[in-house]
Amino acid sequence: MTDQLAGEDFSARTKLVSKLEKELMRGKAKWIANFFESFENYRVNDVTFDIFMRGNTRVRGFMLSRLFSFLSNPNYEVGCYMYSSERRLDKSATRKIVVTTKGSMEANEMRWSWLFIITDQIDGEARQYAEKVSDQGLAVVVVETDTGMVTSNKTFLGRQARKFVKV
């Protein structure tokens, strides 16, 4: 049985993007970031992200949590970009998505971001490229819905972001 809304089939990619957005906005990653704003079909140059979320590193909570957060944690601007594609992604398309994300981070003065690339299939070279992104401020997670394979870059943020994806 497929989920339908107004006669539209939802693919595994669409479901995953929606689930991930909902979980992050509700605070699943609150120990890392507090996401408070979400945009659909966010266009940067000629790349359109399914979802873009903004947030910061300030922790929400009761009086003591807020005071501790204010005194001990820097308040960095952070973002989460989600890109999905039904076509097989190659290395040049993956590189374009990563470079566009980095440019958007710089333009919005973000210290770090997560980039989730969700696709039915991805080229082996493209997956290797994503794993080798060494920018400590950018987590790159590639999810291949046909096989259920999840890979990420080796940075701390990449390893943490990978934990939020359940295929």
N, C-alpha and C. Protein backbone atom coordinates (compact mmCIF):
# COMPACT_ATOMS: atom_id res chain seq x y z
N MET A 1 0.85 -1.19 0.00
CA MET A 1 0.00 0.00 0.00
C MET A 1 0.89 1.24 0.00
N THR A 2 0.57 2.22 -0.80
CA THR A 2 1.36 3.45 -0.86
C THR A 2 0.62 4.59 -0.21
N ASP A 3 1.39 5.49 0.37
CA ASP A 3 0.79 6.70 0.94
C ASP A 3 0.42 7.62 -0.21
N GLN A 4 -0.78 8.18 -0.17
CA GLN A 4 -1.18 9.10 -1.23
C GLN A 4 -1.83 10.33 -0.63
N LEU A 5 -1.55 11.45 -1.24
CA LEU A 5 -2.16 12.71 -0.88
C LEU A 5 -2.50 13.40 -2.19
N ALA A 6 -3.78 13.59 -2.44
CA ALA A 6 -4.25 14.21 -3.70
C ALA A 6 -3.73 13.45 -4.91
N GLY A 7 -3.69 12.11 -4.80
CA GLY A 7 -3.31 11.28 -5.92
C GLY A 7 -1.82 11.23 -6.21
N GLU A 8 -0.98 11.72 -5.31
CA GLU A 8 0.46 11.78 -5.56
C GLU A 8 1.16 10.67 -4.78
N ASP A 9 2.01 9.90 -5.45
CA ASP A 9 2.80 8.88 -4.78
C ASP A 9 3.99 9.53 -4.10
N PHE A 10 4.27 9.07 -2.90
CA PHE A 10 5.44 9.55 -2.19
C PHE A 10 6.53 8.51 -2.28
N SER A 11 7.69 8.90 -2.76
CA SER A 11 8.80 7.98 -2.88
C SER A 11 9.51 7.84 -1.54
N ALA A 12 10.42 6.89 -1.48
CA ALA A 12 11.21 6.68 -0.26
C ALA A 12 12.04 7.93 0.04
N ARG A 13 12.51 8.61 -1.02
CA ARG A 13 13.28 9.85 -0.81
C ARG A 13 12.44 10.91 -0.13
N THR A 14 11.23 11.13 -0.66
CA THR A 14 10.34 12.16 -0.12
C THR A 14 9.98 11.87 1.33
N LYS A 15 9.70 10.63 1.63
CA LYS A 15 9.36 10.23 3.00
C LYS A 15 10.53 10.48 3.93
N LEU A 16 11.74 10.12 3.48
CA LEU A 16 12.93 10.30 4.31
C LEU A 16 13.21 11.78 4.57
N VAL A 17 13.10 12.61 3.54
CA VAL A 17 13.31 14.05 3.71
C VAL A 17 12.30 14.62 4.70
N SER A 18 11.05 14.25 4.55
CA SER A 18 10.00 14.75 5.45
C SER A 18 10.23 14.29 6.89
N LYS A 19 10.57 13.03 7.06
CA LYS A 19 10.81 12.49 8.40
C LYS A 19 12.01 13.17 9.06
N LEU A 20 13.08 13.33 8.30
CA LEU A 20 14.29 13.96 8.83
C LEU A 20 14.03 15.41 9.24
N GLU A 21 13.30 16.15 8.40
CA GLU A 21 12.97 17.53 8.73
C GLU A 21 12.15 17.59 10.01
N LYS A 22 11.15 16.78 10.11
CA LYS A 22 10.27 16.78 11.27
C LYS A 22 11.06 16.47 12.56
N GLU A 23 11.91 15.46 12.50
CA GLU A 23 12.68 15.08 13.69
C GLU A 23 13.66 16.17 14.12
N LEU A 24 14.33 16.79 13.17
CA LEU A 24 15.30 17.84 13.52
C LEU A 24 14.60 19.09 14.03
N MET A 25 13.46 19.45 13.43
CA MET A 25 12.72 20.63 13.89
C MET A 25 12.13 20.40 15.28
N ARG A 26 11.79 19.18 15.60
CA ARG A 26 11.23 18.87 16.92
C ARG A 26 12.29 18.75 18.00
N GLY A 27 13.56 18.78 17.62
CA GLY A 27 14.61 18.80 18.62
C GLY A 27 15.40 17.53 18.78
N LYS A 28 15.37 16.64 17.82
CA LYS A 28 16.14 15.40 17.93
C LYS A 28 17.64 15.68 18.04
N ALA A 29 18.10 16.77 17.47
CA ALA A 29 19.52 17.12 17.50
C ALA A 29 19.79 18.28 18.45
N LYS A 30 18.92 18.47 19.43
CA LYS A 30 19.03 19.67 20.27
C LYS A 30 20.33 19.77 21.04
N TRP A 31 21.01 18.68 21.29
CA TRP A 31 22.30 18.76 21.99
C TRP A 31 23.39 19.28 21.07
N ILE A 32 23.11 19.32 19.75
CA ILE A 32 24.05 19.87 18.78
C ILE A 32 23.58 21.23 18.29
N ALA A 33 22.30 21.31 17.91
CA ALA A 33 21.78 22.54 17.33
C ALA A 33 20.29 22.65 17.57
N ASN A 34 19.83 23.88 17.59
CA ASN A 34 18.42 24.18 17.75
C ASN A 34 17.94 24.77 16.42
N PHE A 35 17.23 23.95 15.63
CA PHE A 35 16.71 24.43 14.35
C PHE A 35 15.35 25.07 14.58
N PHE A 36 15.18 26.29 14.09
CA PHE A 36 13.94 27.02 14.37
C PHE A 36 13.23 27.55 13.13
N GLU A 37 13.84 27.36 11.95
CA GLU A 37 13.25 27.89 10.72
C GLU A 37 13.51 26.91 9.59
N SER A 38 12.48 26.64 8.79
CA SER A 38 12.60 25.67 7.71
C SER A 38 12.01 26.24 6.42
N PHE A 39 12.70 26.00 5.30
CA PHE A 39 12.25 26.47 4.00
C PHE A 39 12.21 25.31 3.03
N GLU A 40 11.14 25.22 2.23
CA GLU A 40 11.04 24.20 1.19
C GLU A 40 11.48 24.79 -0.15
N ASN A 41 12.01 23.92 -1.01
CA ASN A 41 12.46 24.31 -2.35
C ASN A 41 13.36 25.55 -2.29
N TYR A 42 14.38 25.47 -1.48
CA TYR A 42 15.32 26.57 -1.25
C TYR A 42 16.35 26.58 -2.38
N ARG A 43 16.35 27.66 -3.14
CA ARG A 43 17.21 27.75 -4.32
C ARG A 43 18.46 28.56 -4.00
N VAL A 44 19.61 27.97 -4.34
CA VAL A 44 20.90 28.65 -4.23
C VAL A 44 21.57 28.50 -5.59
N ASN A 45 21.78 29.62 -6.26
CA ASN A 45 22.29 29.61 -7.63
C ASN A 45 21.40 28.71 -8.48
N ASP A 46 21.94 27.65 -9.05
CA ASP A 46 21.10 26.78 -9.88
C ASP A 46 20.86 25.41 -9.23
N VAL A 47 21.00 25.33 -7.92
CA VAL A 47 20.70 24.11 -7.17
C VAL A 47 19.51 24.40 -6.26
N THR A 48 18.51 23.52 -6.31
CA THR A 48 17.33 23.66 -5.45
C THR A 48 17.33 22.56 -4.41
N PHE A 49 17.42 22.95 -3.15
CA PHE A 49 17.39 22.01 -2.05
C PHE A 49 15.94 21.77 -1.66
N ASP A 50 15.60 20.52 -1.38
CA ASP A 50 14.23 20.21 -0.97
C ASP A 50 13.89 20.95 0.32
N ILE A 51 14.83 20.95 1.26
CA ILE A 51 14.63 21.59 2.57
C ILE A 51 15.92 22.31 2.95
N PHE A 52 15.77 23.47 3.53
CA PHE A 52 16.88 24.18 4.18
C PHE A 52 16.38 24.62 5.55
N MET A 53 17.14 24.28 6.58
CA MET A 53 16.77 24.67 7.94
C MET A 53 17.88 25.52 8.54
N ARG A 54 17.45 26.56 9.25
CA ARG A 54 18.38 27.44 9.96
C ARG A 54 18.26 27.21 11.45
N GLY A 55 19.32 27.49 12.13
CA GLY A 55 19.28 27.37 13.58
C GLY A 55 20.54 27.96 14.18
N ASN A 56 20.75 27.64 15.44
CA ASN A 56 21.96 28.07 16.13
C ASN A 56 22.33 27.04 17.19
N THR A 57 23.41 27.29 17.89
CA THR A 57 23.90 26.32 18.86
C THR A 57 23.43 26.61 20.28
N ARG A 58 22.57 27.56 20.47
CA ARG A 58 22.03 27.84 21.80
C ARG A 58 21.02 26.77 22.19
N VAL A 59 21.18 26.25 23.38
CA VAL A 59 20.31 25.20 23.88
C VAL A 59 19.08 25.82 24.50
N ARG A 60 17.92 25.23 24.19
CA ARG A 60 16.69 25.64 24.86
C ARG A 60 16.54 24.81 26.12
N GLY A 61 15.80 25.32 27.06
CA GLY A 61 15.56 24.55 28.28
C GLY A 61 15.11 25.47 29.40
N PHE A 62 15.21 24.94 30.60
CA PHE A 62 14.82 25.72 31.76
C PHE A 62 15.93 26.70 32.13
N MET A 63 15.71 27.44 33.15
CA MET A 63 16.59 28.54 33.53
C MET A 63 18.06 28.14 33.64
N LEU A 64 18.38 27.07 34.33
CA LEU A 64 19.78 26.68 34.50
C LEU A 64 20.41 26.23 33.19
N SER A 65 19.64 25.50 32.37
CA SER A 65 20.16 25.05 31.07
C SER A 65 20.49 26.25 30.20
N ARG A 66 19.59 27.21 30.16
CA ARG A 66 19.82 28.40 29.34
C ARG A 66 21.01 29.21 29.84
N LEU A 67 21.12 29.35 31.16
CA LEU A 67 22.23 30.10 31.74
C LEU A 67 23.55 29.40 31.43
N PHE A 68 23.61 28.09 31.62
CA PHE A 68 24.82 27.33 31.32
C PHE A 68 25.18 27.46 29.85
N SER A 69 24.19 27.33 28.97
CA SER A 69 24.41 27.45 27.54
C SER A 69 24.93 28.84 27.18
N PHE A 70 24.34 29.86 27.77
CA PHE A 70 24.74 31.23 27.48
C PHE A 70 26.18 31.48 27.91
N LEU A 71 26.58 30.95 29.05
CA LEU A 71 27.91 31.20 29.59
C LEU A 71 28.98 30.31 28.98
N SER A 72 28.63 29.10 28.53
CA SER A 72 29.67 28.17 28.09
C SER A 72 29.72 27.90 26.58
N ASN A 73 28.60 28.07 25.90
CA ASN A 73 28.57 27.72 24.47
C ASN A 73 28.55 28.96 23.60
N PRO A 74 29.34 28.94 22.53
CA PRO A 74 29.23 30.04 21.57
C PRO A 74 27.92 29.91 20.81
N ASN A 75 27.41 31.01 20.32
CA ASN A 75 26.15 30.99 19.57
C ASN A 75 26.45 31.07 18.09
N TYR A 76 26.68 29.91 17.48
CA TYR A 76 26.98 29.84 16.06
C TYR A 76 25.71 29.68 15.25
N GLU A 77 25.69 30.29 14.08
CA GLU A 77 24.62 30.05 13.11
C GLU A 77 24.92 28.73 12.42
N VAL A 78 23.91 27.89 12.28
CA VAL A 78 24.08 26.59 11.66
C VAL A 78 22.97 26.35 10.64
N GLY A 79 23.18 25.37 9.77
CA GLY A 79 22.17 25.07 8.77
C GLY A 79 22.12 23.59 8.45
N CYS A 80 21.04 23.19 7.84
CA CYS A 80 20.87 21.82 7.38
C CYS A 80 20.25 21.88 5.98
N TYR A 81 20.96 21.31 5.02
CA TYR A 81 20.52 21.30 3.64
C TYR A 81 20.14 19.87 3.27
N MET A 82 19.00 19.70 2.63
CA MET A 82 18.58 18.37 2.16
C MET A 82 18.31 18.44 0.67
N TYR A 83 19.01 17.61 -0.06
CA TYR A 83 18.87 17.56 -1.51
C TYR A 83 18.49 16.13 -1.89
N SER A 84 17.42 15.99 -2.67
CA SER A 84 17.06 14.65 -3.12
C SER A 84 16.95 14.63 -4.64
N SER A 85 17.22 13.45 -5.19
CA SER A 85 17.18 13.29 -6.65
C SER A 85 16.79 11.86 -6.99
N GLU A 86 15.95 11.73 -7.99
CA GLU A 86 15.59 10.39 -8.44
C GLU A 86 16.57 9.87 -9.48
N ARG A 87 17.35 10.77 -10.06
CA ARG A 87 18.32 10.32 -11.06
C ARG A 87 19.65 9.95 -10.38
N ARG A 88 20.40 9.12 -11.06
CA ARG A 88 21.70 8.69 -10.54
C ARG A 88 22.65 9.88 -10.51
N LEU A 89 23.23 10.15 -9.37
CA LEU A 89 24.15 11.28 -9.24
C LEU A 89 25.57 10.85 -9.56
N ASP A 90 26.27 11.68 -10.32
CA ASP A 90 27.67 11.41 -10.61
C ASP A 90 28.54 12.36 -9.78
N LYS A 91 29.84 12.23 -9.96
CA LYS A 91 30.79 13.02 -9.17
C LYS A 91 30.62 14.52 -9.40
N SER A 92 30.41 14.94 -10.66
CA SER A 92 30.31 16.38 -10.94
C SER A 92 29.05 16.97 -10.32
N ALA A 93 27.93 16.24 -10.35
CA ALA A 93 26.70 16.74 -9.72
C ALA A 93 26.87 16.82 -8.21
N THR A 94 27.50 15.82 -7.62
CA THR A 94 27.73 15.81 -6.16
C THR A 94 28.65 16.96 -5.78
N ARG A 95 29.71 17.17 -6.56
CA ARG A 95 30.64 18.27 -6.29
C ARG A 95 29.92 19.61 -6.36
N LYS A 96 29.06 19.78 -7.36
CA LYS A 96 28.30 21.02 -7.52
C LYS A 96 27.41 21.28 -6.29
N ILE A 97 26.77 20.25 -5.77
CA ILE A 97 25.92 20.38 -4.59
C ILE A 97 26.75 20.79 -3.37
N VAL A 98 27.90 20.15 -3.19
CA VAL A 98 28.77 20.46 -2.05
C VAL A 98 29.31 21.88 -2.14
N VAL A 99 29.79 22.28 -3.31
CA VAL A 99 30.35 23.63 -3.50
C VAL A 99 29.25 24.68 -3.30
N THR A 100 28.05 24.42 -3.79
CA THR A 100 26.93 25.35 -3.60
C THR A 100 26.59 25.49 -2.12
N THR A 101 26.61 24.38 -1.39
CA THR A 101 26.34 24.41 0.05
C THR A 101 27.38 25.25 0.77
N LYS A 102 28.65 25.04 0.44
CA LYS A 102 29.72 25.82 1.07
C LYS A 102 29.55 27.32 0.78
N GLY A 103 29.19 27.66 -0.44
CA GLY A 103 28.97 29.06 -0.80
C GLY A 103 27.81 29.67 -0.03
N SER A 104 26.74 28.91 0.13
CA SER A 104 25.59 29.38 0.91
C SER A 104 25.94 29.56 2.38
N MET A 105 26.75 28.64 2.90
CA MET A 105 27.20 28.76 4.29
C MET A 105 27.98 30.06 4.48
N GLU A 106 28.87 30.33 3.56
CA GLU A 106 29.69 31.54 3.64
C GLU A 106 28.82 32.79 3.53
N ALA A 107 27.89 32.79 2.60
CA ALA A 107 27.01 33.94 2.40
C ALA A 107 26.12 34.21 3.62
N ASN A 108 25.72 33.14 4.31
CA ASN A 108 24.85 33.28 5.48
C ASN A 108 25.63 33.28 6.80
N GLU A 109 26.97 33.32 6.71
CA GLU A 109 27.85 33.37 7.87
C GLU A 109 27.57 32.24 8.85
N MET A 110 27.49 31.03 8.31
CA MET A 110 27.26 29.84 9.14
C MET A 110 28.59 29.19 9.46
N ARG A 111 28.75 28.78 10.71
CA ARG A 111 29.98 28.13 11.13
C ARG A 111 30.02 26.67 10.70
N TRP A 112 28.86 26.01 10.70
CA TRP A 112 28.81 24.63 10.23
C TRP A 112 27.42 24.29 9.73
N SER A 113 27.37 23.23 8.91
CA SER A 113 26.10 22.77 8.34
C SER A 113 26.14 21.28 8.08
N TRP A 114 24.95 20.73 7.97
CA TRP A 114 24.78 19.35 7.54
C TRP A 114 24.21 19.38 6.13
N LEU A 115 24.71 18.51 5.28
CA LEU A 115 24.20 18.34 3.92
C LEU A 115 23.79 16.88 3.76
N PHE A 116 22.50 16.65 3.57
CA PHE A 116 21.99 15.31 3.31
C PHE A 116 21.67 15.20 1.83
N ILE A 117 22.33 14.28 1.14
CA ILE A 117 22.05 14.01 -0.27
C ILE A 117 21.32 12.68 -0.31
N ILE A 118 20.07 12.72 -0.71
CA ILE A 118 19.23 11.52 -0.71
C ILE A 118 18.87 11.21 -2.16
N THR A 119 19.28 10.05 -2.62
CA THR A 119 19.09 9.69 -4.01
C THR A 119 18.77 8.20 -4.14
N ASP A 120 18.17 7.84 -5.26
CA ASP A 120 17.89 6.42 -5.50
C ASP A 120 19.19 5.67 -5.75
N GLN A 121 20.09 6.29 -6.53
CA GLN A 121 21.37 5.67 -6.85
C GLN A 121 22.44 6.74 -6.92
N ILE A 122 23.67 6.36 -6.56
CA ILE A 122 24.78 7.30 -6.67
C ILE A 122 25.99 6.56 -7.23
N ASP A 123 26.72 7.24 -8.05
CA ASP A 123 27.94 6.72 -8.66
C ASP A 123 28.98 6.46 -7.57
N GLY A 124 29.81 5.45 -7.75
CA GLY A 124 30.85 5.11 -6.78
C GLY A 124 31.84 6.26 -6.56
N GLU A 125 32.23 6.93 -7.63
CA GLU A 125 33.14 8.07 -7.51
C GLU A 125 32.49 9.22 -6.74
N ALA A 126 31.20 9.41 -6.94
CA ALA A 126 30.48 10.48 -6.24
C ALA A 126 30.44 10.18 -4.74
N ARG A 127 30.20 8.93 -4.40
CA ARG A 127 30.18 8.53 -2.99
C ARG A 127 31.55 8.76 -2.34
N GLN A 128 32.61 8.38 -3.06
CA GLN A 128 33.96 8.57 -2.55
C GLN A 128 34.28 10.06 -2.38
N TYR A 129 33.84 10.87 -3.34
CA TYR A 129 34.04 12.32 -3.23
C TYR A 129 33.39 12.86 -1.95
N ALA A 130 32.14 12.45 -1.71
CA ALA A 130 31.42 12.91 -0.52
C ALA A 130 32.12 12.47 0.76
N GLU A 131 32.64 11.25 0.77
CA GLU A 131 33.35 10.75 1.96
C GLU A 131 34.63 11.53 2.23
N LYS A 132 35.24 12.07 1.18
CA LYS A 132 36.53 12.74 1.32
C LYS A 132 36.42 14.25 1.57
N VAL A 133 35.22 14.79 1.65
CA VAL A 133 35.08 16.22 1.96
C VAL A 133 35.67 16.43 3.34
N SER A 134 36.70 17.27 3.42
CA SER A 134 37.45 17.41 4.67
C SER A 134 37.14 18.69 5.44
N ASP A 135 36.24 19.50 4.95
CA ASP A 135 35.86 20.74 5.64
C ASP A 135 35.22 20.38 6.98
N GLN A 136 35.86 20.78 8.07
CA GLN A 136 35.38 20.44 9.41
C GLN A 136 34.04 21.07 9.74
N GLY A 137 33.64 22.09 9.01
CA GLY A 137 32.37 22.76 9.25
C GLY A 137 31.21 22.23 8.43
N LEU A 138 31.46 21.19 7.62
CA LEU A 138 30.41 20.66 6.77
C LEU A 138 30.33 19.14 6.90
N ALA A 139 29.17 18.67 7.29
CA ALA A 139 28.89 17.24 7.31
C ALA A 139 28.19 16.89 6.01
N VAL A 140 28.67 15.86 5.34
CA VAL A 140 28.04 15.39 4.10
C VAL A 140 27.60 13.95 4.33
N VAL A 141 26.30 13.72 4.19
CA VAL A 141 25.74 12.39 4.36
C VAL A 141 25.03 12.03 3.06
N VAL A 142 25.39 10.89 2.48
CA VAL A 142 24.77 10.40 1.25
C VAL A 142 23.93 9.18 1.60
N VAL A 143 22.66 9.24 1.21
CA VAL A 143 21.74 8.13 1.46
C VAL A 143 21.27 7.61 0.10
N GLU A 144 21.52 6.32 -0.14
CA GLU A 144 21.08 5.68 -1.37
C GLU A 144 19.87 4.82 -1.03
N THR A 145 18.68 5.27 -1.45
CA THR A 145 17.44 4.62 -1.03
C THR A 145 17.25 3.24 -1.65
N ASP A 146 17.79 3.00 -2.84
CA ASP A 146 17.64 1.68 -3.47
C ASP A 146 18.32 0.58 -2.67
N THR A 147 19.50 0.88 -2.12
CA THR A 147 20.27 -0.12 -1.38
C THR A 147 20.21 0.06 0.12
N GLY A 148 19.80 1.24 0.57
CA GLY A 148 19.79 1.53 2.01
C GLY A 148 21.15 1.92 2.54
N MET A 149 22.12 2.14 1.66
CA MET A 149 23.48 2.49 2.08
C MET A 149 23.55 3.95 2.52
N VAL A 150 24.17 4.18 3.68
CA VAL A 150 24.36 5.53 4.20
C VAL A 150 25.85 5.73 4.41
N THR A 151 26.42 6.75 3.77
CA THR A 151 27.83 7.07 3.95
C THR A 151 27.95 8.54 4.34
N SER A 152 29.04 8.85 5.00
CA SER A 152 29.27 10.25 5.40
C SER A 152 30.75 10.55 5.32
N ASN A 153 31.05 11.84 5.36
CA ASN A 153 32.47 12.21 5.42
C ASN A 153 32.99 11.89 6.81
N LYS A 154 34.28 11.91 6.97
CA LYS A 154 34.92 11.42 8.20
C LYS A 154 35.04 12.46 9.31
N THR A 155 34.50 13.65 9.10
CA THR A 155 34.59 14.69 10.12
C THR A 155 33.67 14.34 11.31
N PHE A 156 33.88 15.02 12.42
CA PHE A 156 33.04 14.81 13.60
C PHE A 156 31.57 15.07 13.26
N LEU A 157 31.30 16.18 12.58
CA LEU A 157 29.92 16.50 12.21
C LEU A 157 29.32 15.45 11.28
N GLY A 158 30.12 14.93 10.37
CA GLY A 158 29.64 13.91 9.45
C GLY A 158 29.24 12.64 10.18
N ARG A 159 30.07 12.23 11.12
CA ARG A 159 29.75 11.01 11.89
C ARG A 159 28.50 11.22 12.74
N GLN A 160 28.33 12.41 13.29
CA GLN A 160 27.15 12.68 14.12
C GLN A 160 25.88 12.76 13.27
N ALA A 161 25.96 13.43 12.12
CA ALA A 161 24.77 13.58 11.27
C ALA A 161 24.30 12.23 10.73
N ARG A 162 25.21 11.35 10.50
CA ARG A 162 24.87 10.01 9.97
C ARG A 162 23.95 9.26 10.93
N LYS A 163 24.08 9.52 12.20
CA LYS A 163 23.27 8.83 13.21
C LYS A 163 21.79 9.14 13.11
N PHE A 164 21.44 10.26 12.49
CA PHE A 164 20.04 10.68 12.40
C PHE A 164 19.28 10.06 11.25
N VAL A 165 19.98 9.36 10.37
CA VAL A 165 19.34 8.79 9.19
C VAL A 165 19.06 7.32 9.41
N LYS A 166 17.79 6.96 9.31
CA LYS A 166 17.36 5.57 9.40
C LYS A 166 16.61 5.24 8.12
N VAL A 167 17.18 4.37 7.29
CA VAL A 167 16.56 4.01 6.01
C VAL A 167 15.78 2.72 6.17
